[in-house]
mmCIF file of all heavy atoms, coordinates in Angstrom:
data_MODEL
# 
_entry.id   MODEL 
# 
loop_
_atom_site.group_PDB 
_atom_site.id 
_atom_site.type_symbol 
_atom_site.label_atom_id 
_atom_site.label_alt_id 
_atom_site.label_comp_id 
_atom_site.label_asym_id 
_atom_site.label_entity_id 
_atom_site.label_seq_id 
_atom_site.pdbx_PDB_ins_code 
_atom_site.Cartn_x 
_atom_site.Cartn_y 
_atom_site.Cartn_z 
_atom_site.occupancy 
_atom_site.B_iso_or_equiv 
_atom_site.pdbx_formal_charge 
_atom_site.auth_seq_id 
_atom_site.auth_comp_id 
_atom_site.auth_asym_id 
_atom_site.auth_atom_id 
_atom_site.pdbx_PDB_model_num 
ATOM 1   N N   . LEU A 1 1  ? 0.038   216.308 60.333 1.00 0.00 ? 1  LEU A N   1 
ATOM 2   C CA  . LEU A 1 1  ? 0.261   216.606 58.918 1.00 0.00 ? 1  LEU A CA  1 
ATOM 3   C C   . LEU A 1 1  ? -0.548  217.833 58.497 1.00 0.00 ? 1  LEU A C   1 
ATOM 4   O O   . LEU A 1 1  ? -1.710  217.985 58.859 1.00 0.00 ? 1  LEU A O   1 
ATOM 5   C CB  . LEU A 1 1  ? -0.160  215.407 58.065 1.00 0.00 ? 1  LEU A CB  1 
ATOM 6   C CG  . LEU A 1 1  ? 0.712   214.166 58.184 1.00 0.00 ? 1  LEU A CG  1 
ATOM 7   C CD1 . LEU A 1 1  ? 0.113   213.008 57.396 1.00 0.00 ? 1  LEU A CD1 1 
ATOM 8   C CD2 . LEU A 1 1  ? 2.147   214.439 57.698 1.00 0.00 ? 1  LEU A CD2 1 
ATOM 9   N N   . PRO A 1 2  ? 0.078   218.725 57.719 1.00 0.00 ? 2  PRO A N   1 
ATOM 10  C CA  . PRO A 1 2  ? -0.666  219.906 57.228 1.00 0.00 ? 2  PRO A CA  1 
ATOM 11  C C   . PRO A 1 2  ? -1.680  219.475 56.191 1.00 0.00 ? 2  PRO A C   1 
ATOM 12  O O   . PRO A 1 2  ? -1.571  218.433 55.557 1.00 0.00 ? 2  PRO A O   1 
ATOM 13  C CB  . PRO A 1 2  ? 0.426   220.785 56.607 1.00 0.00 ? 2  PRO A CB  1 
ATOM 14  C CG  . PRO A 1 2  ? 1.505   219.811 56.218 1.00 0.00 ? 2  PRO A CG  1 
ATOM 15  C CD  . PRO A 1 2  ? 1.479   218.707 57.250 1.00 0.00 ? 2  PRO A CD  1 
ATOM 16  N N   . GLN A 1 3  ? -2.698  220.286 56.041 1.00 0.00 ? 3  GLN A N   1 
ATOM 17  C CA  . GLN A 1 3  ? -3.781  220.085 55.033 1.00 0.00 ? 3  GLN A CA  1 
ATOM 18  C C   . GLN A 1 3  ? -4.658  218.864 55.324 1.00 0.00 ? 3  GLN A C   1 
ATOM 19  O O   . GLN A 1 3  ? -5.462  218.491 54.476 1.00 0.00 ? 3  GLN A O   1 
ATOM 20  C CB  . GLN A 1 3  ? -3.214  220.018 53.611 1.00 0.00 ? 3  GLN A CB  1 
ATOM 21  C CG  . GLN A 1 3  ? -2.736  221.365 53.095 1.00 0.00 ? 3  GLN A CG  1 
ATOM 22  C CD  . GLN A 1 3  ? -3.892  222.412 53.036 1.00 0.00 ? 3  GLN A CD  1 
ATOM 23  O OE1 . GLN A 1 3  ? -4.033  223.218 53.967 1.00 0.00 ? 3  GLN A OE1 1 
ATOM 24  N NE2 . GLN A 1 3  ? -4.652  222.360 52.005 1.00 0.00 ? 3  GLN A NE2 1 
ATOM 25  N N   . LEU A 1 4  ? -4.455  218.222 56.474 1.00 0.00 ? 4  LEU A N   1 
ATOM 26  C CA  . LEU A 1 4  ? -5.364  217.157 56.921 1.00 0.00 ? 4  LEU A CA  1 
ATOM 27  C C   . LEU A 1 4  ? -5.907  217.525 58.279 1.00 0.00 ? 4  LEU A C   1 
ATOM 28  O O   . LEU A 1 4  ? -5.226  218.176 59.081 1.00 0.00 ? 4  LEU A O   1 
ATOM 29  C CB  . LEU A 1 4  ? -4.663  215.797 57.039 1.00 0.00 ? 4  LEU A CB  1 
ATOM 30  C CG  . LEU A 1 4  ? -3.990  215.202 55.783 1.00 0.00 ? 4  LEU A CG  1 
ATOM 31  C CD1 . LEU A 1 4  ? -3.455  213.826 56.116 1.00 0.00 ? 4  LEU A CD1 1 
ATOM 32  C CD2 . LEU A 1 4  ? -4.947  215.151 54.611 1.00 0.00 ? 4  LEU A CD2 1 
ATOM 33  N N   . ARG A 1 5  ? -7.101  217.072 58.581 1.00 0.00 ? 5  ARG A N   1 
ATOM 34  C CA  . ARG A 1 5  ? -7.640  217.156 59.930 1.00 0.00 ? 5  ARG A CA  1 
ATOM 35  C C   . ARG A 1 5  ? -8.093  215.755 60.334 1.00 0.00 ? 5  ARG A C   1 
ATOM 36  O O   . ARG A 1 5  ? -9.018  215.205 59.746 1.00 0.00 ? 5  ARG A O   1 
ATOM 37  C CB  . ARG A 1 5  ? -8.815  218.137 60.045 1.00 0.00 ? 5  ARG A CB  1 
ATOM 38  C CG  . ARG A 1 5  ? -9.329  218.241 61.477 1.00 0.00 ? 5  ARG A CG  1 
ATOM 39  C CD  . ARG A 1 5  ? -10.556 219.100 61.603 1.00 0.00 ? 5  ARG A CD  1 
ATOM 40  N NE  . ARG A 1 5  ? -11.090 218.966 62.970 1.00 0.00 ? 5  ARG A NE  1 
ATOM 41  C CZ  . ARG A 1 5  ? -12.333 219.329 63.324 1.00 0.00 ? 5  ARG A CZ  1 
ATOM 42  N NH1 . ARG A 1 5  ? -13.135 219.878 62.419 1.00 0.00 ? 5  ARG A NH1 1 
ATOM 43  N NH2 . ARG A 1 5  ? -12.728 219.160 64.598 1.00 0.00 ? 5  ARG A NH2 1 
ATOM 44  N N   . LEU A 1 6  ? -7.402  215.191 61.315 1.00 0.00 ? 6  LEU A N   1 
ATOM 45  C CA  . LEU A 1 6  ? -7.776  213.853 61.780 1.00 0.00 ? 6  LEU A CA  1 
ATOM 46  C C   . LEU A 1 6  ? -9.044  213.960 62.615 1.00 0.00 ? 6  LEU A C   1 
ATOM 47  O O   . LEU A 1 6  ? -9.054  214.605 63.664 1.00 0.00 ? 6  LEU A O   1 
ATOM 48  C CB  . LEU A 1 6  ? -6.631  213.266 62.619 1.00 0.00 ? 6  LEU A CB  1 
ATOM 49  C CG  . LEU A 1 6  ? -6.909  211.887 63.203 1.00 0.00 ? 6  LEU A CG  1 
ATOM 50  C CD1 . LEU A 1 6  ? -7.165  210.843 62.116 1.00 0.00 ? 6  LEU A CD1 1 
ATOM 51  C CD2 . LEU A 1 6  ? -5.730  211.440 64.086 1.00 0.00 ? 6  LEU A CD2 1 
ATOM 52  N N   . ARG A 1 7  ? -10.079 213.282 62.155 1.00 0.00 ? 7  ARG A N   1 
ATOM 53  C CA  . ARG A 1 7  ? -11.377 213.362 62.807 1.00 0.00 ? 7  ARG A CA  1 
ATOM 54  C C   . ARG A 1 7  ? -11.669 212.130 63.663 1.00 0.00 ? 7  ARG A C   1 
ATOM 55  O O   . ARG A 1 7  ? -12.406 212.235 64.658 1.00 0.00 ? 7  ARG A O   1 
ATOM 56  C CB  . ARG A 1 7  ? -12.499 213.530 61.773 1.00 0.00 ? 7  ARG A CB  1 
ATOM 57  C CG  . ARG A 1 7  ? -12.419 214.823 60.982 1.00 0.00 ? 7  ARG A CG  1 
ATOM 58  C CD  . ARG A 1 7  ? -12.672 216.051 61.829 1.00 0.00 ? 7  ARG A CD  1 
ATOM 59  N NE  . ARG A 1 7  ? -13.994 216.053 62.400 1.00 0.00 ? 7  ARG A NE  1 
ATOM 60  C CZ  . ARG A 1 7  ? -15.083 216.622 61.805 1.00 0.00 ? 7  ARG A CZ  1 
ATOM 61  N NH1 . ARG A 1 7  ? -14.924 217.199 60.617 1.00 0.00 ? 7  ARG A NH1 1 
ATOM 62  N NH2 . ARG A 1 7  ? -16.256 216.567 62.373 1.00 0.00 ? 7  ARG A NH2 1 
ATOM 63  N N   . GLY A 1 8  ? -11.182 210.958 63.250 1.00 0.00 ? 8  GLY A N   1 
ATOM 64  C CA  . GLY A 1 8  ? -11.527 209.783 64.042 1.00 0.00 ? 8  GLY A CA  1 
ATOM 65  C C   . GLY A 1 8  ? -11.124 208.491 63.404 1.00 0.00 ? 8  GLY A C   1 
ATOM 66  O O   . GLY A 1 8  ? -10.114 208.399 62.707 1.00 0.00 ? 8  GLY A O   1 
ATOM 67  N N   . LEU A 1 9  ? -11.948 207.464 63.681 1.00 0.00 ? 9  LEU A N   1 
ATOM 68  C CA  . LEU A 1 9  ? -11.674 206.098 63.214 1.00 0.00 ? 9  LEU A CA  1 
ATOM 69  C C   . LEU A 1 9  ? -12.833 205.574 62.398 1.00 0.00 ? 9  LEU A C   1 
ATOM 70  O O   . LEU A 1 9  ? -14.001 205.980 62.596 1.00 0.00 ? 9  LEU A O   1 
ATOM 71  C CB  . LEU A 1 9  ? -11.458 205.162 64.391 1.00 0.00 ? 9  LEU A CB  1 
ATOM 72  C CG  . LEU A 1 9  ? -10.398 205.497 65.422 1.00 0.00 ? 9  LEU A CG  1 
ATOM 73  C CD1 . LEU A 1 9  ? -10.343 204.403 66.474 1.00 0.00 ? 9  LEU A CD1 1 
ATOM 74  C CD2 . LEU A 1 9  ? -9.035  205.702 64.773 1.00 0.00 ? 9  LEU A CD2 1 
ATOM 75  N N   . MET A 1 10 ? -12.526 204.642 61.508 1.00 0.00 ? 10 MET A N   1 
ATOM 76  C CA  . MET A 1 10 ? -13.520 203.910 60.755 1.00 0.00 ? 10 MET A CA  1 
ATOM 77  C C   . MET A 1 10 ? -13.225 202.425 60.925 1.00 0.00 ? 10 MET A C   1 
ATOM 78  O O   . MET A 1 10 ? -12.062 202.012 60.964 1.00 0.00 ? 10 MET A O   1 
ATOM 79  C CB  . MET A 1 10 ? -13.495 204.291 59.272 1.00 0.00 ? 10 MET A CB  1 
ATOM 80  C CG  . MET A 1 10 ? -14.587 203.602 58.456 1.00 0.00 ? 10 MET A CG  1 
ATOM 81  S SD  . MET A 1 10 ? -14.088 202.048 57.663 1.00 0.00 ? 10 MET A SD  1 
ATOM 82  C CE  . MET A 1 10 ? -13.467 202.641 56.103 1.00 0.00 ? 10 MET A CE  1 
ATOM 83  N N   . ALA A 1 11 ? -14.271 201.630 61.033 1.00 0.00 ? 11 ALA A N   1 
ATOM 84  C CA  . ALA A 1 11 ? -14.082 200.180 61.138 1.00 0.00 ? 11 ALA A CA  1 
ATOM 85  C C   . ALA A 1 11 ? -15.234 199.475 60.404 1.00 0.00 ? 11 ALA A C   1 
ATOM 86  O O   . ALA A 1 11 ? -16.354 200.013 60.277 1.00 0.00 ? 11 ALA A O   1 
ATOM 87  C CB  . ALA A 1 11 ? -14.064 199.720 62.584 1.00 0.00 ? 11 ALA A CB  1 
ATOM 88  N N   . ILE A 1 12 ? -14.880 198.290 59.870 1.00 0.00 ? 12 ILE A N   1 
ATOM 89  C CA  . ILE A 1 12 ? -15.864 197.445 59.175 1.00 0.00 ? 12 ILE A CA  1 
ATOM 90  C C   . ILE A 1 12 ? -15.814 196.057 59.848 1.00 0.00 ? 12 ILE A C   1 
ATOM 91  O O   . ILE A 1 12 ? -15.121 195.178 59.355 1.00 0.00 ? 12 ILE A O   1 
ATOM 92  C CB  . ILE A 1 12 ? -15.578 197.325 57.680 1.00 0.00 ? 12 ILE A CB  1 
ATOM 93  C CG1 . ILE A 1 12 ? -15.370 198.684 57.061 1.00 0.00 ? 12 ILE A CG1 1 
ATOM 94  C CG2 . ILE A 1 12 ? -16.701 196.571 56.963 1.00 0.00 ? 12 ILE A CG2 1 
ATOM 95  C CD1 . ILE A 1 12 ? -14.909 198.646 55.616 1.00 0.00 ? 12 ILE A CD1 1 
ATOM 96  N N   . PRO A 1 13 ? -16.487 195.860 60.953 1.00 0.00 ? 13 PRO A N   1 
ATOM 97  C CA  . PRO A 1 13 ? -16.457 194.551 61.609 1.00 0.00 ? 13 PRO A CA  1 
ATOM 98  C C   . PRO A 1 13 ? -17.007 193.450 60.737 1.00 0.00 ? 13 PRO A C   1 
ATOM 99  O O   . PRO A 1 13 ? -17.852 193.710 59.857 1.00 0.00 ? 13 PRO A O   1 
ATOM 100 C CB  . PRO A 1 13 ? -17.311 194.765 62.872 1.00 0.00 ? 13 PRO A CB  1 
ATOM 101 C CG  . PRO A 1 13 ? -17.359 196.241 63.084 1.00 0.00 ? 13 PRO A CG  1 
ATOM 102 C CD  . PRO A 1 13 ? -17.284 196.847 61.723 1.00 0.00 ? 13 PRO A CD  1 
ATOM 103 N N   . GLU A 1 14 ? -16.564 192.231 60.969 1.00 0.00 ? 14 GLU A N   1 
ATOM 104 C CA  . GLU A 1 14 ? -17.136 191.084 60.282 1.00 0.00 ? 14 GLU A CA  1 
ATOM 105 C C   . GLU A 1 14 ? -18.616 190.960 60.621 1.00 0.00 ? 14 GLU A C   1 
ATOM 106 O O   . GLU A 1 14 ? -19.045 191.330 61.713 1.00 0.00 ? 14 GLU A O   1 
ATOM 107 C CB  . GLU A 1 14 ? -16.404 189.801 60.696 1.00 0.00 ? 14 GLU A CB  1 
ATOM 108 C CG  . GLU A 1 14 ? -14.987 189.725 60.175 1.00 0.00 ? 14 GLU A CG  1 
ATOM 109 C CD  . GLU A 1 14 ? -14.914 189.540 58.675 1.00 0.00 ? 14 GLU A CD  1 
ATOM 110 O OE1 . GLU A 1 14 ? -15.795 188.853 58.119 1.00 0.00 ? 14 GLU A OE1 1 
ATOM 111 O OE2 . GLU A 1 14 ? -14.017 190.112 58.065 1.00 0.00 ? 14 GLU A OE2 1 
ATOM 112 N N   . PRO A 1 15 ? -19.428 190.429 59.699 1.00 0.00 ? 15 PRO A N   1 
ATOM 113 C CA  . PRO A 1 15 ? -20.846 190.201 60.013 1.00 0.00 ? 15 PRO A CA  1 
ATOM 114 C C   . PRO A 1 15 ? -20.971 189.287 61.224 1.00 0.00 ? 15 PRO A C   1 
ATOM 115 O O   . PRO A 1 15 ? -20.204 188.330 61.400 1.00 0.00 ? 15 PRO A O   1 
ATOM 116 C CB  . PRO A 1 15 ? -21.382 189.531 58.741 1.00 0.00 ? 15 PRO A CB  1 
ATOM 117 C CG  . PRO A 1 15 ? -20.452 189.976 57.647 1.00 0.00 ? 15 PRO A CG  1 
ATOM 118 C CD  . PRO A 1 15 ? -19.103 190.067 58.290 1.00 0.00 ? 15 PRO A CD  1 
ATOM 119 N N   . ALA A 1 16 ? -21.937 189.585 62.051 1.00 0.00 ? 16 ALA A N   1 
ATOM 120 C CA  . ALA A 1 16 ? -22.174 188.799 63.241 1.00 0.00 ? 16 ALA A CA  1 
ATOM 121 C C   . ALA A 1 16 ? -23.658 188.398 63.280 1.00 0.00 ? 16 ALA A C   1 
ATOM 122 O O   . ALA A 1 16 ? -24.503 189.091 62.701 1.00 0.00 ? 16 ALA A O   1 
ATOM 123 C CB  . ALA A 1 16 ? -21.768 189.580 64.498 1.00 0.00 ? 16 ALA A CB  1 
ATOM 124 N N   . PRO A 1 17 ? -23.993 187.310 63.977 1.00 0.00 ? 17 PRO A N   1 
ATOM 125 C CA  . PRO A 1 17 ? -25.333 186.732 63.867 1.00 0.00 ? 17 PRO A CA  1 
ATOM 126 C C   . PRO A 1 17 ? -26.448 187.459 64.598 1.00 0.00 ? 17 PRO A C   1 
ATOM 127 O O   . PRO A 1 17 ? -27.612 187.273 64.302 1.00 0.00 ? 17 PRO A O   1 
ATOM 128 C CB  . PRO A 1 17 ? -25.166 185.309 64.433 1.00 0.00 ? 17 PRO A CB  1 
ATOM 129 C CG  . PRO A 1 17 ? -23.989 185.428 65.384 1.00 0.00 ? 17 PRO A CG  1 
ATOM 130 C CD  . PRO A 1 17 ? -23.077 186.439 64.745 1.00 0.00 ? 17 PRO A CD  1 
ATOM 131 N N   . ASP A 1 18 ? -26.103 188.256 65.603 1.00 0.00 ? 18 ASP A N   1 
ATOM 132 C CA  . ASP A 1 18 ? -27.153 188.904 66.385 1.00 0.00 ? 18 ASP A CA  1 
ATOM 133 C C   . ASP A 1 18 ? -26.646 190.213 66.971 1.00 0.00 ? 18 ASP A C   1 
ATOM 134 O O   . ASP A 1 18 ? -25.478 190.568 66.869 1.00 0.00 ? 18 ASP A O   1 
ATOM 135 C CB  . ASP A 1 18 ? -27.660 187.992 67.525 1.00 0.00 ? 18 ASP A CB  1 
ATOM 136 C CG  . ASP A 1 18 ? -26.531 187.463 68.419 1.00 0.00 ? 18 ASP A CG  1 
ATOM 137 O OD1 . ASP A 1 18 ? -25.627 188.261 68.751 1.00 0.00 ? 18 ASP A OD1 1 
ATOM 138 O OD2 . ASP A 1 18 ? -26.547 186.284 68.744 1.00 0.00 ? 18 ASP A OD2 1 
ATOM 139 N N   . PHE A 1 19 ? -27.561 190.947 67.584 1.00 0.00 ? 19 PHE A N   1 
ATOM 140 C CA  . PHE A 1 19 ? -27.233 192.282 68.135 1.00 0.00 ? 19 PHE A CA  1 
ATOM 141 C C   . PHE A 1 19 ? -26.076 192.227 69.107 1.00 0.00 ? 19 PHE A C   1 
ATOM 142 O O   . PHE A 1 19 ? -25.154 193.067 69.035 1.00 0.00 ? 19 PHE A O   1 
ATOM 143 C CB  . PHE A 1 19 ? -28.481 192.866 68.794 1.00 0.00 ? 19 PHE A CB  1 
ATOM 144 C CG  . PHE A 1 19 ? -28.246 194.209 69.408 1.00 0.00 ? 19 PHE A CG  1 
ATOM 145 C CD1 . PHE A 1 19 ? -28.433 195.398 68.687 1.00 0.00 ? 19 PHE A CD1 1 
ATOM 146 C CD2 . PHE A 1 19 ? -27.902 194.306 70.747 1.00 0.00 ? 19 PHE A CD2 1 
ATOM 147 C CE1 . PHE A 1 19 ? -28.229 196.621 69.250 1.00 0.00 ? 19 PHE A CE1 1 
ATOM 148 C CE2 . PHE A 1 19 ? -27.685 195.577 71.337 1.00 0.00 ? 19 PHE A CE2 1 
ATOM 149 C CZ  . PHE A 1 19 ? -27.830 196.717 70.588 1.00 0.00 ? 19 PHE A CZ  1 
ATOM 150 N N   . ALA A 1 20 ? -26.114 191.266 70.033 1.00 0.00 ? 20 ALA A N   1 
ATOM 151 C CA  . ALA A 1 20 ? -25.092 191.219 71.069 1.00 0.00 ? 20 ALA A CA  1 
ATOM 152 C C   . ALA A 1 20 ? -23.704 191.000 70.433 1.00 0.00 ? 20 ALA A C   1 
ATOM 153 O O   . ALA A 1 20 ? -22.729 191.630 70.842 1.00 0.00 ? 20 ALA A O   1 
ATOM 154 C CB  . ALA A 1 20 ? -25.391 190.103 72.053 1.00 0.00 ? 20 ALA A CB  1 
ATOM 155 N N   . ALA A 1 21 ? -23.612 190.104 69.477 1.00 0.00 ? 21 ALA A N   1 
ATOM 156 C CA  . ALA A 1 21 ? -22.329 189.823 68.824 1.00 0.00 ? 21 ALA A CA  1 
ATOM 157 C C   . ALA A 1 21 ? -21.904 191.020 67.995 1.00 0.00 ? 21 ALA A C   1 
ATOM 158 O O   . ALA A 1 21 ? -20.685 191.371 67.964 1.00 0.00 ? 21 ALA A O   1 
ATOM 159 C CB  . ALA A 1 21 ? -22.431 188.566 67.962 1.00 0.00 ? 21 ALA A CB  1 
ATOM 160 N N   . GLN A 1 22 ? -22.808 191.668 67.305 1.00 0.00 ? 22 GLN A N   1 
ATOM 161 C CA  . GLN A 1 22 ? -22.481 192.857 66.560 1.00 0.00 ? 22 GLN A CA  1 
ATOM 162 C C   . GLN A 1 22 ? -21.968 193.955 67.490 1.00 0.00 ? 22 GLN A C   1 
ATOM 163 O O   . GLN A 1 22 ? -20.963 194.618 67.203 1.00 0.00 ? 22 GLN A O   1 
ATOM 164 C CB  . GLN A 1 22 ? -23.750 193.396 65.807 1.00 0.00 ? 22 GLN A CB  1 
ATOM 165 C CG  . GLN A 1 22 ? -24.203 192.514 64.684 1.00 0.00 ? 22 GLN A CG  1 
ATOM 166 C CD  . GLN A 1 22 ? -25.562 192.932 64.153 1.00 0.00 ? 22 GLN A CD  1 
ATOM 167 O OE1 . GLN A 1 22 ? -26.230 193.790 64.724 1.00 0.00 ? 22 GLN A OE1 1 
ATOM 168 N NE2 . GLN A 1 22 ? -25.971 192.353 63.041 1.00 0.00 ? 22 GLN A NE2 1 
ATOM 169 N N   . ARG A 1 23 ? -22.642 194.129 68.590 1.00 0.00 ? 23 ARG A N   1 
ATOM 170 C CA  . ARG A 1 23 ? -22.241 195.184 69.511 1.00 0.00 ? 23 ARG A CA  1 
ATOM 171 C C   . ARG A 1 23 ? -20.869 194.927 70.110 1.00 0.00 ? 23 ARG A C   1 
ATOM 172 O O   . ARG A 1 23 ? -20.076 195.865 70.276 1.00 0.00 ? 23 ARG A O   1 
ATOM 173 C CB  . ARG A 1 23 ? -23.291 195.325 70.634 1.00 0.00 ? 23 ARG A CB  1 
ATOM 174 C CG  . ARG A 1 23 ? -23.044 196.499 71.585 1.00 0.00 ? 23 ARG A CG  1 
ATOM 175 C CD  . ARG A 1 23 ? -24.214 196.685 72.542 1.00 0.00 ? 23 ARG A CD  1 
ATOM 176 N NE  . ARG A 1 23 ? -24.083 197.903 73.329 1.00 0.00 ? 23 ARG A NE  1 
ATOM 177 C CZ  . ARG A 1 23 ? -23.384 197.987 74.448 1.00 0.00 ? 23 ARG A CZ  1 
ATOM 178 N NH1 . ARG A 1 23 ? -22.802 196.893 74.957 1.00 0.00 ? 23 ARG A NH1 1 
ATOM 179 N NH2 . ARG A 1 23 ? -23.280 199.139 75.111 1.00 0.00 ? 23 ARG A NH2 1 
ATOM 180 N N   . GLU A 1 24 ? -20.560 193.660 70.383 1.00 0.00 ? 24 GLU A N   1 
ATOM 181 C CA  . GLU A 1 24 ? -19.272 193.337 70.939 1.00 0.00 ? 24 GLU A CA  1 
ATOM 182 C C   . GLU A 1 24 ? -18.148 193.739 69.970 1.00 0.00 ? 24 GLU A C   1 
ATOM 183 O O   . GLU A 1 24 ? -17.133 194.298 70.388 1.00 0.00 ? 24 GLU A O   1 
ATOM 184 C CB  . GLU A 1 24 ? -19.186 191.819 71.222 1.00 0.00 ? 24 GLU A CB  1 
ATOM 185 C CG  . GLU A 1 24 ? -17.834 191.347 71.699 1.00 0.00 ? 24 GLU A CG  1 
ATOM 186 C CD  . GLU A 1 24 ? -17.349 192.014 72.988 1.00 0.00 ? 24 GLU A CD  1 
ATOM 187 O OE1 . GLU A 1 24 ? -18.204 192.340 73.826 1.00 0.00 ? 24 GLU A OE1 1 
ATOM 188 O OE2 . GLU A 1 24 ? -16.158 192.199 73.117 1.00 0.00 ? 24 GLU A OE2 1 
# 
């Protein structure tokens, strides 16, 4: 599409209880 530059992705994962689950 003209006048846009696709840079990447955005995500909002569900809250997770610890680092390992967040990272997954």
